[in-house]
Amino acid sequence: MRWNVCYRISLPAYVKRCLVRFDAYNNTKLKDLNCEDNQIKTLDLSNNTALENLICGDNQLTSLDVSKNTALVYLYCRDNLLTTLDVSNNLELSRLDCSQNQLTSLDVSNISLDYLDCTLNYMASVDDVNGWERVPYFYFYPQRDVPPYITPTVSAYIGAKSQAYVTDKIEYQLALSNAVNVLAVDFEFKVDGAMLVGNSFEGLNGFTMLESVNWTDKVDGTWTGAVKLGYTEGDYGFTEEPYTDIARLVFDSTGLLGEASLTIKKLEITGLDQAIGEVVYYNVIIEAGIGTTIILNKYDLNKDGVVDLIDLGIMLLYVGFNENDPEWATLVKVNDRNGIGITPKDCDVNGDGEIDMADLIELIANFD
């Protein structure tokens, strides 16, 4: 076959599992290449600069150089023997499946992936995948000796309020969806130690803590916690299609203002496969691995970073309102510096349900 005059090459079924070498080096116009499920050990793509889609999974590749393939959009190289993979030049790449290799790290921080599957490599945690937080659909599972590893895929995310005051409790929730007979969840997470202090952790919707949170020392201002959750309401595990909270973490603010976050570092989910009667590990997709809350000063009504006469003037606009007024949480006479409307409820700094002299005195007492 004349490989060097084709725009698209997809090997037929009778060829698969036979090839140990494949050469389309001189085909500079090649856009699509599918050579999966063979015994190929080397693949030179340095001259295939127009290549957009590459499927080379299930081979014996120990290295793969795609640095010249800058038009690459889809790369499927799973189930090989790759120890490194550099995609820093592949700025058009949107989907990457490099699962079941021997990668110890991966950097996708400078590309805008829509999908990344790097399960079953030699990476201990998501910390070894630089830039994973920006990927909407991210699959990760460390390589180790485990029971059977199967789909269906369980989705997870960290929920958080977008804003909270420095005096509030800062809450995060771990939620799962597409859960089928889930028995246990091993959850490891990172917390911004400069912004958050203390904690309480509780299981929800049938999950309980099987052990207390194991905290490790701060590294670069963050704490790392690990905990195991077990489902205790029934013999067949937790099954739920929509997103359901299974744990709540509550922190206090350290007093600093700004962005506070909690990040999933590792998530392992085991469940019961009723068809085979065995405990299995589920594939996990982390749809939102970081929960972020902006911690604000409740006296800084216009959000300009200073509590001053401008904030006092805003509060005076709402003196006399109380929580029984229909417009308590909707009336806007002025916006903050971010363009968000300030309501009477926002000016109730002492939380007694009305705007009066007590609120004015408390705000003045907290002038910068």
Protein backbone atom coordinates (compact mmCIF):
# COMPACT_ATOMS: atom_id res chain seq x y z
CA MET A 1 0.00 0.00 0.00
CA ARG A 2 1.26 3.50 -0.84
CA TRP A 3 1.17 5.05 2.66
CA ASN A 4 2.81 8.24 1.44
CA VAL A 5 -0.05 9.47 -0.76
CA CYS A 6 -2.93 9.02 1.73
CA TYR A 7 -4.66 11.73 3.75
CA ARG A 8 -6.17 9.15 6.09
CA ILE A 9 -4.77 5.76 7.13
CA SER A 10 -6.80 3.28 9.17
CA LEU A 11 -5.45 -0.23 9.18
CA PRO A 12 -8.00 -2.95 8.30
CA ALA A 13 -8.86 -5.68 10.80
CA TYR A 14 -6.83 -8.39 9.05
CA VAL A 15 -3.68 -6.25 9.37
CA LYS A 16 -4.03 -5.53 13.06
CA ARG A 17 -1.85 -7.38 15.57
CA CYS A 18 0.60 -8.11 12.75
CA LEU A 19 2.65 -4.94 12.31
CA VAL A 20 5.87 -4.40 14.23
CA ARG A 21 6.92 -1.41 12.14
CA PHE A 22 4.98 1.31 10.37
CA ASP A 23 6.43 4.03 8.11
CA ALA A 24 4.49 6.94 6.66
CA TYR A 25 7.39 9.34 7.15
CA ASN A 26 7.27 10.94 3.70
CA ASN A 27 3.53 11.63 3.79
CA THR A 28 3.48 15.31 4.73
CA LYS A 29 -0.26 15.60 4.02
CA LEU A 30 -1.39 12.82 6.34
CA LYS A 31 -4.14 14.05 8.69
CA ASP A 32 -5.58 10.88 10.27
CA LEU A 33 -3.63 7.81 11.38
CA ASN A 34 -5.05 4.75 13.12
CA CYS A 35 -2.51 2.00 13.76
CA GLU A 36 -3.81 0.74 17.11
CA ASP A 37 -3.77 -2.85 18.33
CA ASN A 38 -0.47 -4.00 16.79
CA GLN A 39 3.05 -4.69 18.00
CA ILE A 40 4.65 -1.45 16.82
CA LYS A 41 7.74 -0.47 18.81
CA THR A 42 8.73 2.77 17.05
CA LEU A 43 6.73 5.43 15.26
CA ASP A 44 8.43 8.33 13.48
CA LEU A 45 5.95 11.16 12.92
CA SER A 46 8.41 14.02 12.66
CA ASN A 47 7.58 14.68 9.00
CA ASN A 48 3.80 14.30 9.35
CA THR A 49 3.25 17.93 10.28
CA ALA A 50 -0.38 18.03 9.09
CA LEU A 51 -1.43 15.18 11.40
CA GLU A 52 -4.61 16.00 13.34
CA ASN A 53 -5.79 12.66 14.73
CA LEU A 54 -3.47 9.93 15.97
CA ILE A 55 -4.69 6.58 17.33
CA CYS A 56 -1.74 4.37 18.25
CA GLY A 57 -2.96 2.60 21.37
CA ASP A 58 -2.35 -1.04 22.24
CA ASN A 59 1.17 -1.25 20.82
CA GLN A 60 4.66 -1.56 22.33
CA LEU A 61 5.84 2.04 22.02
CA THR A 62 8.46 3.02 24.58
CA SER A 63 8.60 6.60 23.32
CA LEU A 64 6.41 8.90 21.25
CA ASP A 65 7.63 12.22 19.85
CA VAL A 66 4.75 14.49 18.78
CA SER A 67 6.67 17.76 19.07
CA LYS A 68 6.48 18.36 15.30
CA ASN A 69 2.77 17.53 15.09
CA THR A 70 1.51 20.95 16.09
CA ALA A 71 -1.86 20.47 14.34
CA LEU A 72 -2.70 17.46 16.51
CA VAL A 73 -6.23 17.63 17.97
CA TYR A 74 -6.80 14.06 19.15
CA LEU A 75 -4.10 11.77 20.60
CA TYR A 76 -4.94 8.22 21.71
CA CYS A 77 -1.79 6.42 22.87
CA ARG A 78 -3.12 4.29 25.72
CA ASP A 79 -1.80 0.85 26.65
CA ASN A 80 1.81 1.26 25.52
CA LEU A 81 5.12 1.38 27.41
CA LEU A 82 5.60 5.14 27.46
CA THR A 83 7.65 6.53 30.35
CA THR A 84 7.44 10.18 29.21
CA LEU A 85 5.08 12.18 27.03
CA ASP A 86 5.70 15.81 26.03
CA VAL A 87 2.68 17.64 24.59
CA SER A 88 3.91 21.17 25.25
CA ASN A 89 4.03 21.96 21.52
CA ASN A 90 0.57 20.59 20.79
CA LEU A 91 -1.43 23.73 21.48
CA GLU A 92 -4.42 22.56 19.39
CA LEU A 93 -4.79 19.32 21.35
CA SER A 94 -8.27 18.89 22.85
CA ARG A 95 -8.46 15.16 23.71
CA LEU A 96 -5.67 13.06 25.18
CA ASP A 97 -5.85 9.42 26.30
CA CYS A 98 -2.49 8.22 27.63
CA SER A 99 -3.84 5.75 30.15
CA GLN A 100 -2.18 2.42 30.99
CA ASN A 101 1.40 3.49 30.33
CA GLN A 102 4.37 4.02 32.67
CA LEU A 103 4.24 7.81 33.02
CA THR A 104 5.45 9.23 36.33
CA SER A 105 4.36 12.78 35.50
CA LEU A 106 2.49 14.74 32.85
CA ASP A 107 2.33 18.47 32.09
CA VAL A 108 -0.76 19.81 30.30
CA SER A 109 -0.65 23.26 31.84
CA ASN A 110 -0.17 25.19 28.60
CA ILE A 111 -2.86 23.50 26.49
CA SER A 112 -6.67 23.71 26.65
CA LEU A 113 -7.77 20.09 26.86
CA ASP A 114 -11.44 19.14 26.95
CA TYR A 115 -10.70 15.54 27.92
CA LEU A 116 -7.78 13.81 29.64
CA ASP A 117 -7.51 10.15 30.65
CA CYS A 118 -4.25 9.25 32.37
CA THR A 119 -5.51 6.40 34.55
CA LEU A 120 -3.26 3.49 35.52
CA ASN A 121 0.13 5.09 35.07
CA TYR A 122 2.94 5.32 37.63
CA MET A 123 1.67 8.60 39.08
CA ALA A 124 0.88 8.53 42.78
CA SER A 125 -1.65 11.38 42.79
CA VAL A 126 -3.09 14.21 40.69
CA ASP A 127 -0.17 16.36 41.89
CA ASP A 128 1.85 14.54 39.23
CA VAL A 129 -0.45 15.91 36.50
CA ASN A 130 0.37 19.59 36.12
CA GLY A 131 -2.64 21.55 34.85
CA TRP A 132 -5.34 18.90 35.41
CA GLU A 133 -7.54 21.45 37.18
CA ARG A 134 -8.31 23.18 33.86
CA VAL A 135 -9.58 20.01 32.15
CA PRO A 136 -13.41 19.68 32.18
CA TYR A 137 -13.34 15.88 31.84
CA PHE A 138 -10.42 14.40 33.75
CA TYR A 139 -9.88 10.70 34.48
CA PHE A 140 -7.23 9.63 36.95
CA TYR A 141 -6.43 6.45 38.80
CA PRO A 142 -2.99 5.44 40.11
CA GLN A 143 -1.24 2.29 38.93
CA ARG A 144 -1.16 -0.27 41.73
CA ASP A 145 -2.27 -3.77 42.65
CA VAL A 146 -6.02 -3.44 42.94
CA PRO A 147 -9.13 -5.59 42.58
CA PRO A 148 -10.78 -5.58 39.14
CA TYR A 149 -10.97 -2.09 37.66
CA ILE A 150 -14.15 -1.38 35.71
CA THR A 151 -16.64 1.11 34.42
CA PRO A 152 -19.26 2.56 34.86
CA THR A 153 -17.56 5.84 35.54
CA VAL A 154 -18.41 7.64 38.76
CA SER A 155 -18.31 11.44 38.55
CA ALA A 156 -17.17 13.64 41.43
CA TYR A 157 -16.93 17.30 42.25
CA ILE A 158 -16.18 19.70 45.10
CA GLY A 159 -18.95 22.18 45.84
CA ALA A 160 -18.50 25.50 47.62
CA LYS A 161 -20.23 28.85 48.05
CA SER A 162 -18.78 31.43 45.71
CA GLN A 163 -18.50 34.01 48.51
CA ALA A 164 -18.44 34.06 52.31
CA TYR A 165 -17.64 36.59 55.00
CA VAL A 166 -14.54 36.35 57.13
CA THR A 167 -16.73 35.59 60.16
CA ASP A 168 -18.63 32.77 58.43
CA LYS A 169 -17.97 29.06 58.44
CA ILE A 170 -16.42 28.05 55.12
CA GLU A 171 -18.03 24.85 53.80
CA TYR A 172 -17.11 22.42 51.04
CA GLN A 173 -19.02 19.34 49.87
CA LEU A 174 -17.81 16.20 48.10
CA ALA A 175 -20.50 14.91 45.73
CA LEU A 176 -20.81 11.85 43.48
CA SER A 177 -23.04 11.02 40.53
CA ASN A 178 -23.54 7.86 38.43
CA ALA A 179 -22.74 5.91 41.59
CA VAL A 180 -23.56 2.19 41.47
CA ASN A 181 -23.17 0.04 44.60
CA VAL A 182 -20.42 2.25 46.04
CA LEU A 183 -19.04 0.79 49.28
CA ALA A 184 -16.10 3.03 50.20
CA VAL A 185 -14.37 6.26 49.15
CA ASP A 186 -10.73 7.10 49.87
CA PHE A 187 -10.50 10.88 49.71
CA GLU A 188 -7.27 12.89 49.80
CA PHE A 189 -7.42 16.67 49.53
CA LYS A 190 -5.40 19.87 49.87
CA VAL A 191 -6.44 22.95 51.85
CA ASP A 192 -5.11 26.50 51.66
CA GLY A 193 -3.58 26.81 55.13
CA ALA A 194 -3.09 30.57 54.86
CA MET A 195 -6.84 31.11 54.47
CA LEU A 196 -8.49 28.27 56.39
CA VAL A 197 -8.00 26.87 59.88
CA GLY A 198 -9.59 24.10 61.95
CA ASN A 199 -12.06 21.68 60.48
CA SER A 200 -14.98 19.40 60.99
CA PHE A 201 -15.69 16.50 58.63
CA GLU A 202 -18.88 14.47 58.40
CA GLY A 203 -20.30 11.88 56.06
CA LEU A 204 -23.69 12.47 54.48
CA ASN A 205 -26.48 10.41 52.93
CA GLY A 206 -25.46 7.09 54.45
CA PHE A 207 -21.68 7.61 54.43
CA THR A 208 -19.70 7.70 57.67
CA MET A 209 -16.05 8.29 58.46
CA LEU A 210 -14.28 4.97 58.95
CA GLU A 211 -11.31 6.81 60.44
CA SER A 212 -10.50 10.37 61.45
CA VAL A 213 -8.87 12.77 59.00
CA ASN A 214 -5.13 12.13 58.75
CA TRP A 215 -3.40 15.51 58.32
CA THR A 216 0.15 15.99 57.08
CA ASP A 217 2.29 19.06 57.67
CA LYS A 218 2.03 22.19 55.60
CA VAL A 219 3.94 22.24 52.32
CA ASP A 220 4.06 25.62 50.57
CA GLY A 221 1.23 26.91 52.74
CA THR A 222 -1.14 23.99 52.17
CA TRP A 223 -2.32 21.15 54.38
CA THR A 224 -3.04 17.69 53.03
CA GLY A 225 -5.79 15.58 54.56
CA ALA A 226 -6.83 11.98 53.92
CA VAL A 227 -9.94 10.16 55.09
CA LYS A 228 -11.85 6.96 54.29
CA LEU A 229 -15.63 7.01 54.00
CA GLY A 230 -17.82 3.92 54.12
CA TYR A 231 -21.45 3.41 53.16
CA THR A 232 -23.29 1.84 56.06
CA GLU A 233 -26.94 1.81 54.97
CA GLY A 234 -27.41 -1.49 53.16
CA ASP A 235 -25.44 -4.47 51.87
CA TYR A 236 -25.20 -3.41 48.24
CA GLY A 237 -23.68 0.03 48.54
CA PHE A 238 -24.68 3.54 47.56
CA THR A 239 -26.49 3.92 44.22
CA GLU A 240 -27.53 7.35 42.99
CA GLU A 241 -27.79 8.83 39.49
CA PRO A 242 -27.84 12.62 40.14
CA TYR A 243 -25.13 14.41 42.08
CA THR A 244 -25.47 13.71 45.79
CA ASP A 245 -23.32 15.08 48.62
CA ILE A 246 -21.52 12.33 50.53
CA ALA A 247 -19.30 14.48 52.80
CA ARG A 248 -19.10 17.98 54.25
CA LEU A 249 -15.95 19.79 55.38
CA VAL A 250 -16.24 22.96 57.45
CA PHE A 251 -13.44 25.44 58.21
CA ASP A 252 -12.95 28.80 59.90
CA SER A 253 -11.32 31.72 58.17
CA THR A 254 -7.86 32.75 59.39
CA GLY A 255 -8.94 36.37 58.98
CA LEU A 256 -7.27 36.95 55.65
CA LEU A 257 -9.36 38.13 52.73
CA GLY A 258 -9.21 36.63 49.26
CA GLU A 259 -9.56 33.24 47.58
CA ALA A 260 -9.69 30.08 49.71
CA SER A 261 -9.71 26.68 48.05
CA LEU A 262 -9.97 22.96 48.69
CA THR A 263 -8.61 20.63 45.98
CA ILE A 264 -9.12 16.93 45.33
CA LYS A 265 -5.69 15.31 45.38
CA LYS A 266 -6.74 11.67 45.07
CA LEU A 267 -10.09 9.89 44.94
CA GLU A 268 -10.46 6.10 44.96
CA ILE A 269 -13.91 4.55 44.86
CA THR A 270 -14.69 0.89 45.46
CA GLY A 271 -18.00 -0.84 44.96
CA LEU A 272 -19.73 -4.16 44.53
CA ASP A 273 -20.04 -5.67 41.06
CA GLN A 274 -23.11 -7.84 41.56
CA ALA A 275 -22.56 -9.63 38.25
CA ILE A 276 -19.29 -11.19 39.40
CA GLY A 277 -19.84 -10.88 43.15
CA GLU A 278 -16.54 -9.06 43.74
CA VAL A 279 -15.36 -5.72 45.06
CA VAL A 280 -14.11 -3.52 42.21
CA TYR A 281 -12.48 -0.15 41.72
CA TYR A 282 -14.47 2.33 39.65
CA ASN A 283 -13.14 4.67 37.03
CA VAL A 284 -13.50 8.25 38.31
CA ILE A 285 -14.02 11.47 36.40
CA ILE A 286 -13.42 14.65 38.39
CA GLU A 287 -15.70 17.27 36.88
CA ALA A 288 -14.80 20.01 39.36
CA GLY A 289 -11.72 19.19 41.41
CA ILE A 290 -11.35 22.55 43.13
CA GLY A 291 -13.86 24.32 45.35
CA THR A 292 -13.15 28.03 45.67
CA THR A 293 -14.69 30.61 47.98
CA ILE A 294 -13.90 34.32 47.99
CA ILE A 295 -13.63 35.44 51.63
CA LEU A 296 -14.89 38.98 52.09
CA ASN A 297 -15.11 41.56 54.86
CA LYS A 298 -18.83 42.04 55.51
CA TYR A 299 -18.25 45.68 56.48
CA ASP A 300 -16.65 46.45 53.11
CA LEU A 301 -20.01 46.91 51.38
CA ASN A 302 -18.62 48.19 48.06
CA LYS A 303 -15.81 45.56 47.96
CA ASP A 304 -13.02 48.07 47.38
CA GLY A 305 -10.80 46.58 50.10
CA VAL A 306 -11.36 49.42 52.60
CA VAL A 307 -14.06 50.01 55.22
CA ASP A 308 -14.64 53.77 55.19
CA LEU A 309 -17.16 56.57 54.78
CA ILE A 310 -18.24 55.27 51.37
CA ASP A 311 -19.51 52.08 53.03
CA LEU A 312 -21.23 54.16 55.71
CA GLY A 313 -22.96 56.19 52.98
CA ILE A 314 -24.20 53.01 51.31
CA MET A 315 -25.64 51.72 54.58
CA LEU A 316 -27.43 55.03 55.19
CA LEU A 317 -29.35 54.47 51.94
CA TYR A 318 -31.07 51.47 53.53
CA VAL A 319 -31.65 52.61 57.12
CA GLY A 320 -35.17 51.67 58.20
CA PHE A 321 -35.47 48.53 56.09
CA ASN A 322 -36.14 45.19 57.80
CA GLU A 323 -36.44 41.57 56.77
CA ASN A 324 -40.24 41.83 56.45
CA ASP A 325 -39.93 44.29 53.57
CA PRO A 326 -40.65 42.59 50.20
CA GLU A 327 -37.50 44.12 48.72
CA TRP A 328 -35.20 43.15 51.61
CA ALA A 329 -33.05 40.91 49.41
CA THR A 330 -33.79 42.45 46.00
CA LEU A 331 -33.77 46.25 46.15
CA VAL A 332 -30.57 47.71 44.68
CA LYS A 333 -29.74 51.41 45.00
CA VAL A 334 -26.03 51.08 44.28
CA ASN A 335 -23.58 48.46 42.97
CA ASP A 336 -20.27 47.36 44.43
CA ARG A 337 -17.03 47.78 42.49
CA ASN A 338 -17.66 44.47 40.74
CA GLY A 339 -21.02 45.62 39.40
CA ILE A 340 -23.01 43.45 41.81
CA GLY A 341 -26.03 45.07 43.41
CA ILE A 342 -25.98 45.86 47.14
CA THR A 343 -29.30 45.08 48.89
CA PRO A 344 -30.64 45.98 52.34
CA LYS A 345 -29.86 42.42 53.47
CA ASP A 346 -26.17 42.97 52.60
CA CYS A 347 -26.08 45.94 54.99
CA ASP A 348 -27.44 44.00 57.98
CA VAL A 349 -23.95 43.53 59.44
CA ASN A 350 -25.15 42.47 62.88
CA GLY A 351 -27.69 39.98 61.50
CA ASP A 352 -30.70 41.15 63.48
CA GLY A 353 -32.97 41.54 60.46
CA GLU A 354 -33.09 45.33 60.26
CA ILE A 355 -30.89 48.28 59.29
CA ASP A 356 -30.66 50.67 62.21
CA MET A 357 -28.28 52.59 64.46
CA ALA A 358 -26.72 49.35 65.75
CA ASP A 359 -25.51 48.47 62.24
CA LEU A 360 -24.12 51.99 61.72
CA ILE A 361 -22.20 51.87 65.00
CA GLU A 362 -20.77 48.42 64.26
CA LEU A 363 -19.65 49.44 60.78
CA ILE A 364 -17.95 52.62 62.09
CA ALA A 365 -16.18 50.55 64.75
CA ASN A 366 -14.63 48.49 61.97
CA PHE A 367 -13.30 51.40 59.89
CA ASP A 368 -9.80 50.86 58.51
